[in-house]
Protein backbone atom coordinates (compact mmCIF):
# COMPACT_ATOMS: atom_id res chain seq x y z
CA UNK A 1 36.40 -165.97 24.85
CA UNK A 2 39.63 -167.57 26.11
CA UNK A 3 41.74 -165.03 24.19
CA UNK A 4 40.01 -162.12 25.91
CA UNK A 5 40.33 -163.73 29.34
CA UNK A 6 44.05 -164.35 28.88
CA UNK A 7 44.56 -160.86 27.45
CA UNK A 8 42.73 -159.23 30.36
CA UNK A 9 44.64 -161.36 32.84
CA UNK A 10 47.97 -160.42 31.21
CA UNK A 11 47.13 -156.71 31.43
CA UNK A 12 46.12 -157.03 35.09
CA UNK A 13 49.39 -158.81 35.93
CA UNK A 14 51.43 -156.18 34.07
CA UNK A 15 49.71 -153.33 35.92
CA UNK A 16 50.15 -155.11 39.26
CA UNK A 17 53.84 -155.75 38.62
CA UNK A 18 54.45 -152.14 37.58
CA UNK A 19 52.78 -150.86 40.74
CA UNK A 20 55.31 -152.63 42.96
CA UNK A 21 58.55 -151.89 41.13
CA UNK A 22 60.82 -149.06 42.21
CA UNK A 23 62.70 -146.80 39.89
CA UNK A 24 66.43 -147.50 39.85
CA UNK A 25 67.06 -144.15 38.18
CA UNK A 26 66.47 -141.94 41.21
CA UNK A 27 68.79 -138.97 41.44
CA UNK A 28 70.68 -138.58 44.70
CA UNK A 29 71.36 -135.08 45.98
CA UNK A 30 73.42 -133.62 48.81
CA UNK A 31 72.05 -131.07 51.23
CA UNK A 32 74.41 -129.15 53.49
CA UNK A 33 73.60 -127.60 56.84
CA UNK A 34 73.66 -123.79 56.69
CA UNK A 35 72.29 -122.93 60.15
CA UNK A 36 73.85 -122.60 63.58
CA UNK A 37 74.98 -126.03 64.91
CA UNK A 38 74.74 -124.71 68.50
CA UNK A 39 70.96 -124.45 68.17
CA UNK A 40 69.07 -127.75 68.12
CA UNK A 41 66.01 -126.27 66.38
CA UNK A 42 68.25 -125.03 63.55
CA UNK A 43 69.54 -128.57 62.95
CA UNK A 44 65.93 -129.83 63.04
CA UNK A 45 64.69 -127.16 60.60
CA UNK A 46 64.30 -128.55 57.05
CA UNK A 47 64.92 -125.10 55.51
CA UNK A 48 68.41 -125.00 57.06
CA UNK A 49 69.46 -127.93 54.82
CA UNK A 50 70.22 -126.58 51.33
CA UNK A 51 71.08 -128.52 48.18
CA UNK A 52 74.69 -128.25 47.00
CA UNK A 53 76.45 -129.35 43.83
CA UNK A 54 78.95 -132.11 44.46
CA UNK A 55 79.86 -133.56 47.84
CA UNK A 56 80.25 -130.93 50.56
CA UNK A 57 83.29 -131.25 52.78
CA UNK A 58 82.90 -131.89 56.50
CA UNK A 59 85.30 -131.72 59.44
CA UNK A 60 87.39 -134.78 60.18
CA UNK A 61 85.73 -135.12 63.57
CA UNK A 62 82.05 -135.48 64.41
CA UNK A 63 81.65 -131.95 65.76
CA UNK A 64 78.76 -130.37 63.93
CA UNK A 65 75.95 -131.00 61.46
CA UNK A 66 77.28 -131.29 57.92
CA UNK A 67 75.50 -133.09 55.06
CA UNK A 68 72.76 -135.53 54.12
CA UNK A 69 72.62 -137.55 50.90
CA UNK A 70 68.98 -138.03 49.93
CA UNK A 71 66.73 -138.63 46.92
CA UNK A 72 66.25 -135.43 44.90
CA UNK A 73 62.45 -135.94 45.03
CA UNK A 74 62.59 -135.13 48.76
CA UNK A 75 63.62 -131.52 48.02
CA UNK A 76 61.43 -128.49 47.28
CA UNK A 77 61.96 -124.91 46.18
CA UNK A 78 63.47 -122.71 48.86
CA UNK A 79 60.80 -120.61 50.62
CA UNK A 80 63.30 -117.73 50.58
CA UNK A 81 63.02 -117.40 46.82
CA UNK A 82 63.44 -119.22 43.50
CA UNK A 83 67.10 -118.23 43.11
CA UNK A 84 68.10 -119.99 46.35
CA UNK A 85 69.05 -123.69 46.54
CA UNK A 86 66.36 -126.31 47.14
CA UNK A 87 65.71 -127.44 50.74
CA UNK A 88 64.33 -130.57 52.40
CA UNK A 89 60.58 -131.00 51.84
CA UNK A 90 58.86 -130.84 55.26
CA UNK A 91 55.95 -132.85 53.86
CA UNK A 92 58.29 -135.80 53.15
CA UNK A 93 60.94 -135.27 55.82
CA UNK A 94 58.54 -134.41 58.62
CA UNK A 95 61.16 -134.14 61.34
CA UNK A 96 64.88 -134.41 61.96
CA UNK A 97 66.04 -136.01 65.19
CA UNK A 98 69.14 -134.14 66.45
CA UNK A 99 71.41 -134.74 69.43
CA UNK A 100 74.77 -133.57 70.76
CA UNK A 101 77.88 -134.80 69.00
CA UNK A 102 81.12 -135.84 70.69
CA UNK A 103 81.98 -132.29 71.78
CA UNK A 104 78.67 -132.13 73.70
CA UNK A 105 78.19 -128.56 72.41
CA UNK A 106 77.09 -128.76 68.76
CA UNK A 107 74.06 -130.65 67.49
CA UNK A 108 74.05 -133.19 64.65
CA UNK A 109 71.21 -134.95 62.84
CA UNK A 110 70.71 -138.56 63.85
CA UNK A 111 67.61 -139.74 61.97
CA UNK A 112 65.01 -138.41 59.54
CA UNK A 113 61.30 -139.10 59.97
CA UNK A 114 58.36 -139.11 57.58
CA UNK A 115 58.92 -140.67 54.16
CA UNK A 116 62.54 -139.74 53.40
CA UNK A 117 63.33 -143.00 51.62
CA UNK A 118 66.98 -144.01 51.77
CA UNK A 119 69.39 -141.39 53.06
CA UNK A 120 72.90 -141.07 54.47
CA UNK A 121 73.79 -138.59 57.21
CA UNK A 122 77.45 -137.57 57.41
CA UNK A 123 78.85 -135.38 60.17
CA UNK A 124 82.54 -135.96 59.43
CA UNK A 125 84.75 -136.87 56.45
């Protein structure tokens, strides 16, 4: 009887431990802004942020929306078609907070809301 109790307890502990561990093998992706930085709703629109290969280049000054580094699992197929780059998943990145940058003309993303996980917003090199 003791063997079964210890065996059951060991399985329960293993399942519990596995439920609270995070995967260290997550793939990071870059999305680049492809909309109009003069329009705040464009910067806030998840479909205006498309996946790119490599690290996209930004201006040397914080003047306009540029790129976000985010977990690949936060991207979905582009609603424009399967041949287009992936975009931010609106179910996971529910909103993008945008405000004016230093030129007070263009908008830049400030924070992501929803369940984006870890991310890095870059508006300049």
